[in-house]
Amino acid sequence: MDLARKYLQMGWTRALRYAKYPGGQKYERDADGDRVERDPEQWYDEEKYEISQVYREYLDRVREDEAYREGKDRHRERYGEIE
């Protein structure tokens, strides 16, 4: 279940990046060729924002699942806090 959470979280963050930045490109090159961060647009692509919310809904379901929480707690008891 933790692997499912990981992929849902990756899908959510990637969809948000594409929703905020044209082509999903967070950085661009300036006139000198230096890499600079773009300003995010709120929301550049509305459809991708909606998709990100679907990922977020399922991610929240996994985090709230009792079996997931119990497994996570057991793992933390055995190996400690990783964050």
PDB file of N, CA and C in Angstrom:
ATOM      1  N   MET A   1       0.823  -1.188   0.000  1.00  0.00           N
ATOM      2  CA  MET A   1       0.000   0.000   0.000  1.00  0.00           C
ATOM      3  C   MET A   1       0.872   1.260   0.000  1.00  0.00           C
ATOM      4  N   ASP A   2       2.050   1.167   0.609  1.00  0.00           N
ATOM      5  CA  ASP A   2       2.927   2.332   0.628  1.00  0.00           C
ATOM      6  C   ASP A   2       3.422   2.655  -0.778  1.00  0.00           C
ATOM      7  N   LEU A   3       3.608   1.640  -1.590  1.00  0.00           N
ATOM      8  CA  LEU A   3       4.010   1.862  -2.980  1.00  0.00           C
ATOM      9  C   LEU A   3       2.897   2.572  -3.753  1.00  0.00           C
ATOM     10  N   ALA A   4       1.663   2.187  -3.493  1.00  0.00           N
ATOM     11  CA  ALA A   4       0.523   2.873  -4.121  1.00  0.00           C
ATOM     12  C   ALA A   4       0.490   4.330  -3.687  1.00  0.00           C
ATOM     13  N   ARG A   5       0.743   4.582  -2.398  1.00  0.00           N
ATOM     14  CA  ARG A   5       0.767   5.960  -1.899  1.00  0.00           C
ATOM     15  C   ARG A   5       1.854   6.765  -2.604  1.00  0.00           C
ATOM     16  N   LYS A   6       3.002   6.140  -2.778  1.00  0.00           N
ATOM     17  CA  LYS A   6       4.126   6.818  -3.429  1.00  0.00           C
ATOM     18  C   LYS A   6       3.760   7.239  -4.854  1.00  0.00           C
ATOM     19  N   TYR A   7       3.171   6.334  -5.629  1.00  0.00           N
ATOM     20  CA  TYR A   7       2.829   6.656  -7.016  1.00  0.00           C
ATOM     21  C   TYR A   7       1.679   7.658  -7.105  1.00  0.00           C
ATOM     22  N   LEU A   8       0.742   7.593  -6.182  1.00  0.00           N
ATOM     23  CA  LEU A   8      -0.327   8.598  -6.156  1.00  0.00           C
ATOM     24  C   LEU A   8       0.245   9.977  -5.837  1.00  0.00           C
ATOM     25  N   GLN A   9       1.183  10.015  -4.903  1.00  0.00           N
ATOM     26  CA  GLN A   9       1.811  11.287  -4.545  1.00  0.00           C
ATOM     27  C   GLN A   9       2.618  11.839  -5.722  1.00  0.00           C
ATOM     28  N   MET A  10       3.332  10.974  -6.433  1.00  0.00           N
ATOM     29  CA  MET A  10       4.087  11.410  -7.610  1.00  0.00           C
ATOM     30  C   MET A  10       3.148  11.935  -8.693  1.00  0.00           C
ATOM     31  N   GLY A  11       2.036  11.231  -8.923  1.00  0.00           N
ATOM     32  CA  GLY A  11       1.068  11.683  -9.927  1.00  0.00           C
ATOM     33  C   GLY A  11       0.462  13.021  -9.557  1.00  0.00           C
ATOM     34  N   TRP A  12       0.161  13.199  -8.279  1.00  0.00           N
ATOM     35  CA  TRP A  12      -0.424  14.450  -7.812  1.00  0.00           C
ATOM     36  C   TRP A  12       0.533  15.623  -8.024  1.00  0.00           C
ATOM     37  N   THR A  13       1.792  15.456  -7.589  1.00  0.00           N
ATOM     38  CA  THR A  13       2.740  16.563  -7.710  1.00  0.00           C
ATOM     39  C   THR A  13       3.080  16.852  -9.172  1.00  0.00           C
ATOM     40  N   ARG A  14       3.191  15.817  -9.997  1.00  0.00           N
ATOM     41  CA  ARG A  14       3.500  16.043 -11.410  1.00  0.00           C
ATOM     42  C   ARG A  14       2.336  16.730 -12.118  1.00  0.00           C
ATOM     43  N   ALA A  15       1.117  16.308 -11.838  1.00  0.00           N
ATOM     44  CA  ALA A  15      -0.048  16.947 -12.455  1.00  0.00           C
ATOM     45  C   ALA A  15      -0.140  18.417 -12.041  1.00  0.00           C
ATOM     46  N   LEU A  16       0.186  18.706 -10.779  1.00  0.00           N
ATOM     47  CA  LEU A  16       0.183  20.102 -10.334  1.00  0.00           C
ATOM     48  C   LEU A  16       1.239  20.914 -11.066  1.00  0.00           C
ATOM     49  N   ARG A  17       2.411  20.329 -11.275  1.00  0.00           N
ATOM     50  CA  ARG A  17       3.462  21.061 -11.990  1.00  0.00           C
ATOM     51  C   ARG A  17       3.016  21.389 -13.415  1.00  0.00           C
ATOM     52  N   TYR A  18       2.384  20.444 -14.084  1.00  0.00           N
ATOM     53  CA  TYR A  18       1.900  20.711 -15.443  1.00  0.00           C
ATOM     54  C   TYR A  18       0.723  21.684 -15.433  1.00  0.00           C
ATOM     55  N   ALA A  19      -0.016  21.719 -14.342  1.00  0.00           N
ATOM     56  CA  ALA A  19      -1.131  22.666 -14.247  1.00  0.00           C
ATOM     57  C   ALA A  19      -0.627  24.092 -14.031  1.00  0.00           C
ATOM     58  N   LYS A  20       0.524  24.243 -13.389  1.00  0.00           N
ATOM     59  CA  LYS A  20       1.052  25.571 -13.057  1.00  0.00           C
ATOM     60  C   LYS A  20       2.017  26.138 -14.091  1.00  0.00           C
ATOM     61  N   TYR A  21       2.750  25.280 -14.793  1.00  0.00           N
ATOM     62  CA  TYR A  21       3.809  25.733 -15.687  1.00  0.00           C
ATOM     63  C   TYR A  21       3.562  25.238 -17.111  1.00  0.00           C
ATOM     64  N   PRO A  22       3.681  26.095 -18.106  1.00  0.00           N
ATOM     65  CA  PRO A  22       3.530  25.655 -19.503  1.00  0.00           C
ATOM     66  C   PRO A  22       4.524  24.543 -19.836  1.00  0.00           C
ATOM     67  N   GLY A  23       4.025  23.436 -20.321  1.00  0.00           N
ATOM     68  CA  GLY A  23       4.874  22.305 -20.669  1.00  0.00           C
ATOM     69  C   GLY A  23       5.496  21.610 -19.470  1.00  0.00           C
ATOM     70  N   GLY A  24       5.070  21.967 -18.259  1.00  0.00           N
ATOM     71  CA  GLY A  24       5.616  21.353 -17.058  1.00  0.00           C
ATOM     72  C   GLY A  24       7.018  21.825 -16.725  1.00  0.00           C
ATOM     73  N   GLN A  25       7.510  22.831 -17.431  1.00  0.00           N
ATOM     74  CA  GLN A  25       8.860  23.332 -17.236  1.00  0.00           C
ATOM     75  C   GLN A  25       8.892  24.379 -16.127  1.00  0.00           C
ATOM     76  N   LYS A  26       9.445  24.002 -14.985  1.00  0.00           N
ATOM     77  CA  LYS A  26       9.524  24.906 -13.842  1.00  0.00           C
ATOM     78  C   LYS A  26      10.661  25.920 -14.010  1.00  0.00           C
ATOM     79  N   TYR A  27      11.676  25.549 -14.785  1.00  0.00           N
ATOM     80  CA  TYR A  27      12.827  26.412 -14.996  1.00  0.00           C
ATOM     81  C   TYR A  27      12.959  26.756 -16.472  1.00  0.00           C
ATOM     82  N   GLU A  28      13.560  27.910 -16.751  1.00  0.00           N
ATOM     83  CA  GLU A  28      13.857  28.308 -18.115  1.00  0.00           C
ATOM     84  C   GLU A  28      15.232  28.962 -18.131  1.00  0.00           C
ATOM     85  N   ARG A  29      15.751  29.229 -19.299  1.00  0.00           N
ATOM     86  CA  ARG A  29      17.059  29.875 -19.433  1.00  0.00           C
ATOM     87  C   ARG A  29      16.867  31.356 -19.711  1.00  0.00           C
ATOM     88  N   ASP A  30      17.669  32.179 -19.043  1.00  0.00           N
ATOM     89  CA  ASP A  30      17.593  33.613 -19.311  1.00  0.00           C
ATOM     90  C   ASP A  30      18.520  33.953 -20.488  1.00  0.00           C
ATOM     91  N   ALA A  31      18.690  35.234 -20.776  1.00  0.00           N
ATOM     92  CA  ALA A  31      19.486  35.671 -21.921  1.00  0.00           C
ATOM     93  C   ALA A  31      20.945  35.231 -21.803  1.00  0.00           C
ATOM     94  N   ASP A  32      21.447  35.095 -20.578  1.00  0.00           N
ATOM     95  CA  ASP A  32      22.830  34.668 -20.360  1.00  0.00           C
ATOM     96  C   ASP A  32      22.985  33.153 -20.356  1.00  0.00           C
ATOM     97  N   GLY A  33      21.886  32.433 -20.469  1.00  0.00           N
ATOM     98  CA  GLY A  33      21.932  30.975 -20.448  1.00  0.00           C
ATOM     99  C   GLY A  33      21.841  30.386 -19.058  1.00  0.00           C
ATOM    100  N   ASP A  34      21.620  31.235 -18.051  1.00  0.00           N
ATOM    101  CA  ASP A  34      21.486  30.755 -16.679  1.00  0.00           C
ATOM    102  C   ASP A  34      20.081  30.207 -16.450  1.00  0.00           C
ATOM    103  N   ARG A  35      19.998  29.207 -15.604  1.00  0.00           N
ATOM    104  CA  ARG A  35      18.714  28.578 -15.290  1.00  0.00           C
ATOM    105  C   ARG A  35      17.997  29.400 -14.217  1.00  0.00           C
ATOM    106  N   VAL A  36      16.787  29.836 -14.521  1.00  0.00           N
ATOM    107  CA  VAL A  36      15.999  30.612 -13.560  1.00  0.00           C
ATOM    108  C   VAL A  36      14.612  29.990 -13.425  1.00  0.00           C
ATOM    109  N   GLU A  37      14.058  30.106 -12.233  1.00  0.00           N
ATOM    110  CA  GLU A  37      12.738  29.531 -11.974  1.00  0.00           C
ATOM    111  C   GLU A  37      11.653  30.441 -12.528  1.00  0.00           C
ATOM    112  N   ARG A  38      10.687  29.835 -13.227  1.00  0.00           N
ATOM    113  CA  ARG A  38       9.537  30.578 -13.732  1.00  0.00           C
ATOM    114  C   ARG A  38       8.573  30.889 -12.602  1.00  0.00           C
ATOM    115  N   ASP A  39       7.792  31.928 -12.781  1.00  0.00           N
ATOM    116  CA  ASP A  39       6.699  32.194 -11.858  1.00  0.00           C
ATOM    117  C   ASP A  39       5.537  31.280 -12.212  1.00  0.00           C
ATOM    118  N   PRO A  40       4.955  30.588 -11.218  1.00  0.00           N
ATOM    119  CA  PRO A  40       3.830  29.703 -11.521  1.00  0.00           C
ATOM    120  C   PRO A  40       2.602  30.503 -11.945  1.00  0.00           C
ATOM    121  N   GLU A  41       1.844  29.917 -12.850  1.00  0.00           N
ATOM    122  CA  GLU A  41       0.584  30.524 -13.274  1.00  0.00           C
ATOM    123  C   GLU A  41      -0.548  29.816 -12.552  1.00  0.00           C
ATOM    124  N   GLN A  42      -1.519  30.519 -12.115  1.00  0.00           N
ATOM    125  CA  GLN A  42      -2.613  29.952 -11.330  1.00  0.00           C
ATOM    126  C   GLN A  42      -3.886  30.000 -12.150  1.00  0.00           C
ATOM    127  N   TRP A  43      -4.345  29.046 -12.753  1.00  0.00           N
ATOM    128  CA  TRP A  43      -3.858  27.761 -13.206  1.00  0.00           C
ATOM    129  C   TRP A  43      -3.648  27.840 -14.695  1.00  0.00           C
ATOM    130  N   TYR A  44      -2.472  27.427 -15.153  1.00  0.00           N
ATOM    131  CA  TYR A  44      -2.146  27.443 -16.569  1.00  0.00           C
ATOM    132  C   TYR A  44      -3.041  26.475 -17.335  1.00  0.00           C
ATOM    133  N   ASP A  45      -3.207  25.271 -16.801  1.00  0.00           N
ATOM    134  CA  ASP A  45      -4.020  24.247 -17.464  1.00  0.00           C
ATOM    135  C   ASP A  45      -5.049  23.714 -16.466  1.00  0.00           C
ATOM    136  N   GLU A  46      -6.277  24.144 -16.629  1.00  0.00           N
ATOM    137  CA  GLU A  46      -7.354  23.791 -15.693  1.00  0.00           C
ATOM    138  C   GLU A  46      -7.628  22.282 -15.672  1.00  0.00           C
ATOM    139  N   GLU A  47      -7.534  21.630 -16.828  1.00  0.00           N
ATOM    140  CA  GLU A  47      -7.789  20.188 -16.893  1.00  0.00           C
ATOM    141  C   GLU A  47      -6.763  19.409 -16.062  1.00  0.00           C
ATOM    142  N   LYS A  48      -5.507  19.804 -16.156  1.00  0.00           N
ATOM    143  CA  LYS A  48      -4.474  19.109 -15.379  1.00  0.00           C
ATOM    144  C   LYS A  48      -4.636  19.388 -13.889  1.00  0.00           C
ATOM    145  N   TYR A  49      -5.131  20.556 -13.551  1.00  0.00           N
ATOM    146  CA  TYR A  49      -5.416  20.846 -12.142  1.00  0.00           C
ATOM    147  C   TYR A  49      -6.508  19.901 -11.633  1.00  0.00           C
ATOM    148  N   GLU A  50      -7.552  19.709 -12.420  1.00  0.00           N
ATOM    149  CA  GLU A  50      -8.625  18.786 -12.025  1.00  0.00           C
ATOM    150  C   GLU A  50      -8.098  17.367 -11.869  1.00  0.00           C
ATOM    151  N   ILE A  51      -7.201  16.952 -12.753  1.00  0.00           N
ATOM    152  CA  ILE A  51      -6.601  15.621 -12.657  1.00  0.00           C
ATOM    153  C   ILE A  51      -5.793  15.506 -11.368  1.00  0.00           C
ATOM    154  N   SER A  52      -5.074  16.568 -11.022  1.00  0.00           N
ATOM    155  CA  SER A  52      -4.279  16.538  -9.787  1.00  0.00           C
ATOM    156  C   SER A  52      -5.172  16.350  -8.566  1.00  0.00           C
ATOM    157  N   GLN A  53      -6.372  16.890  -8.616  1.00  0.00           N
ATOM    158  CA  GLN A  53      -7.287  16.756  -7.489  1.00  0.00           C
ATOM    159  C   GLN A  53      -7.815  15.329  -7.359  1.00  0.00           C
ATOM    160  N   VAL A  54      -7.928  14.613  -8.475  1.00  0.00           N
ATOM    161  CA  VAL A  54      -8.321  13.197  -8.427  1.00  0.00           C
ATOM    162  C   VAL A  54      -7.216  12.399  -7.735  1.00  0.00           C
ATOM    163  N   TYR A  55      -5.956  12.650  -8.136  1.00  0.00           N
ATOM    164  CA  TYR A  55      -4.835  11.984  -7.470  1.00  0.00           C
ATOM    165  C   TYR A  55      -4.853  12.285  -5.977  1.00  0.00           C
ATOM    166  N   ARG A  56      -5.096  13.550  -5.629  1.00  0.00           N
ATOM    167  CA  ARG A  56      -5.093  13.955  -4.222  1.00  0.00           C
ATOM    168  C   ARG A  56      -6.191  13.243  -3.437  1.00  0.00           C
ATOM    169  N   GLU A  57      -7.363  13.090  -4.050  1.00  0.00           N
ATOM    170  CA  GLU A  57      -8.469  12.399  -3.383  1.00  0.00           C
ATOM    171  C   GLU A  57      -8.093  10.956  -3.039  1.00  0.00           C
ATOM    172  N   TYR A  58      -7.489  10.252  -4.003  1.00  0.00           N
ATOM    173  CA  TYR A  58      -7.104   8.865  -3.753  1.00  0.00           C
ATOM    174  C   TYR A  58      -5.916   8.780  -2.797  1.00  0.00           C
ATOM    175  N   LEU A  59      -5.009   9.749  -2.851  1.00  0.00           N
ATOM    176  CA  LEU A  59      -3.900   9.802  -1.917  1.00  0.00           C
ATOM    177  C   LEU A  59      -4.415   9.966  -0.490  1.00  0.00           C
ATOM    178  N   ASP A  60      -5.393  10.825  -0.305  1.00  0.00           N
ATOM    179  CA  ASP A  60      -5.987  11.011   1.023  1.00  0.00           C
ATOM    180  C   ASP A  60      -6.679   9.741   1.507  1.00  0.00           C
ATOM    181  N   ARG A  61      -7.317   9.014   0.593  1.00  0.00           N
ATOM    182  CA  ARG A  61      -7.969   7.757   0.975  1.00  0.00           C
ATOM    183  C   ARG A  61      -6.953   6.745   1.500  1.00  0.00           C
ATOM    184  N   VAL A  62      -5.810   6.660   0.812  1.00  0.00           N
ATOM    185  CA  VAL A  62      -4.768   5.726   1.254  1.00  0.00           C
ATOM    186  C   VAL A  62      -4.261   6.136   2.630  1.00  0.00           C
ATOM    187  N   ARG A  63      -3.997   7.411   2.824  1.00  0.00           N
ATOM    188  CA  ARG A  63      -3.470   7.892   4.109  1.00  0.00           C
ATOM    189  C   ARG A  63      -4.462   7.677   5.256  1.00  0.00           C
ATOM    190  N   GLU A  64      -5.736   7.678   4.956  1.00  0.00           N
ATOM    191  CA  GLU A  64      -6.761   7.496   5.981  1.00  0.00           C
ATOM    192  C   GLU A  64      -7.119   6.034   6.224  1.00  0.00           C
ATOM    193  N   ASP A  65      -6.642   5.142   5.372  1.00  0.00           N
ATOM    194  CA  ASP A  65      -6.973   3.725   5.477  1.00  0.00           C
ATOM    195  C   ASP A  65      -6.385   3.132   6.762  1.00  0.00           C
ATOM    196  N   GLU A  66      -7.204   2.408   7.494  1.00  0.00           N
ATOM    197  CA  GLU A  66      -6.800   1.849   8.784  1.00  0.00           C
ATOM    198  C   GLU A  66      -5.656   0.846   8.629  1.00  0.00           C
ATOM    199  N   ALA A  67      -5.719  -0.023   7.631  1.00  0.00           N
ATOM    200  CA  ALA A  67      -4.651  -1.006   7.429  1.00  0.00           C
ATOM    201  C   ALA A  67      -3.335  -0.304   7.094  1.00  0.00           C
ATOM    202  N   TYR A  68      -3.391   0.757   6.308  1.00  0.00           N
ATOM    203  CA  TYR A  68      -2.188   1.517   5.973  1.00  0.00           C
ATOM    204  C   TYR A  68      -1.598   2.153   7.227  1.00  0.00           C
ATOM    205  N   ARG A  69      -2.436   2.758   8.035  1.00  0.00           N
ATOM    206  CA  ARG A  69      -1.959   3.412   9.267  1.00  0.00           C
ATOM    207  C   ARG A  69      -1.328   2.413  10.224  1.00  0.00           C
ATOM    208  N   GLU A  70      -1.958   1.250  10.367  1.00  0.00           N
ATOM    209  CA  GLU A  70      -1.406   0.234  11.262  1.00  0.00           C
ATOM    210  C   GLU A  70      -0.047  -0.240  10.773  1.00  0.00           C
ATOM    211  N   GLY A  71       0.058  -0.489   9.478  1.00  0.00           N
ATOM    212  CA  GLY A  71       1.343  -0.912   8.911  1.00  0.00           C
ATOM    213  C   GLY A  71       2.407   0.158   9.059  1.00  0.00           C
ATOM    214  N   LYS A  72       2.025   1.391   8.856  1.00  0.00           N
ATOM    215  CA  LYS A  72       2.962   2.503   9.005  1.00  0.00           C
ATOM    216  C   LYS A  72       3.425   2.626  10.454  1.00  0.00           C
ATOM    217  N   ASP A  73       2.495   2.491  11.386  1.00  0.00           N
ATOM    218  CA  ASP A  73       2.840   2.561  12.807  1.00  0.00           C
ATOM    219  C   ASP A  73       3.778   1.424  13.204  1.00  0.00           C
ATOM    220  N   ARG A  74       3.495   0.201  12.718  1.00  0.00           N
ATOM    221  CA  ARG A  74       4.369  -0.935  13.018  1.00  0.00           C
ATOM    222  C   ARG A  74       5.780  -0.696  12.477  1.00  0.00           C
ATOM    223  N   HIS A  75       5.843  -0.164  11.260  1.00  0.00           N
ATOM    224  CA  HIS A  75       7.139   0.119  10.646  1.00  0.00           C
ATOM    225  C   HIS A  75       7.901   1.160  11.466  1.00  0.00           C
ATOM    226  N   ARG A  76       7.219   2.196  11.901  1.00  0.00           N
ATOM    227  CA  ARG A  76       7.876   3.241  12.702  1.00  0.00           C
ATOM    228  C   ARG A  76       8.329   2.711  14.056  1.00  0.00           C
ATOM    229  N   GLU A  77       7.549   1.811  14.662  1.00  0.00           N
ATOM    230  CA  GLU A  77       7.952   1.214  15.932  1.00  0.00           C
ATOM    231  C   GLU A  77       9.218   0.379  15.754  1.00  0.00           C
ATOM    232  N   ARG A  78       9.271  -0.350  14.655  1.00  0.00           N
ATOM    233  CA  ARG A  78      10.404  -1.243  14.408  1.00  0.00           C
ATOM    234  C   ARG A  78      11.653  -0.483  13.956  1.00  0.00           C
ATOM    235  N   TYR A  79      11.492   0.489  13.048  1.00  0.00           N
ATOM    236  CA  TYR A  79      12.658   1.139  12.435  1.00  0.00           C
ATOM    237  C   TYR A  79      12.815   2.616  12.791  1.00  0.00           C
ATOM    238  N   GLY A  80      11.849   3.178  13.500  1.00  0.00           N
ATOM    239  CA  GLY A  80      11.937   4.589  13.879  1.00  0.00           C
ATOM    240  C   GLY A  80      11.388   5.509  12.811  1.00  0.00           C
ATOM    241  N   GLU A  81      11.401   6.768  13.119  1.00  0.00           N
ATOM    242  CA  GLU A  81      10.902   7.814  12.216  1.00  0.00           C
ATOM    243  C   GLU A  81      11.922   8.046  11.111  1.00  0.00           C
ATOM    244  N   ILE A  82      11.474   8.044   9.857  1.00  0.00           N
ATOM    245  CA  ILE A  82      12.394   8.209   8.726  1.00  0.00           C
ATOM    246  C   ILE A  82      12.382   9.643   8.212  1.00  0.00           C
ATOM    247  N   GLU A  83      11.338  10.365   8.408  1.00  0.00           N
ATOM    248  CA  GLU A  83      11.209  11.703   7.849  1.00  0.00           C
ATOM    249  C   GLU A  83      12.136  12.633   8.454  1.00  0.00           C
TER     250      GLU A  83
END
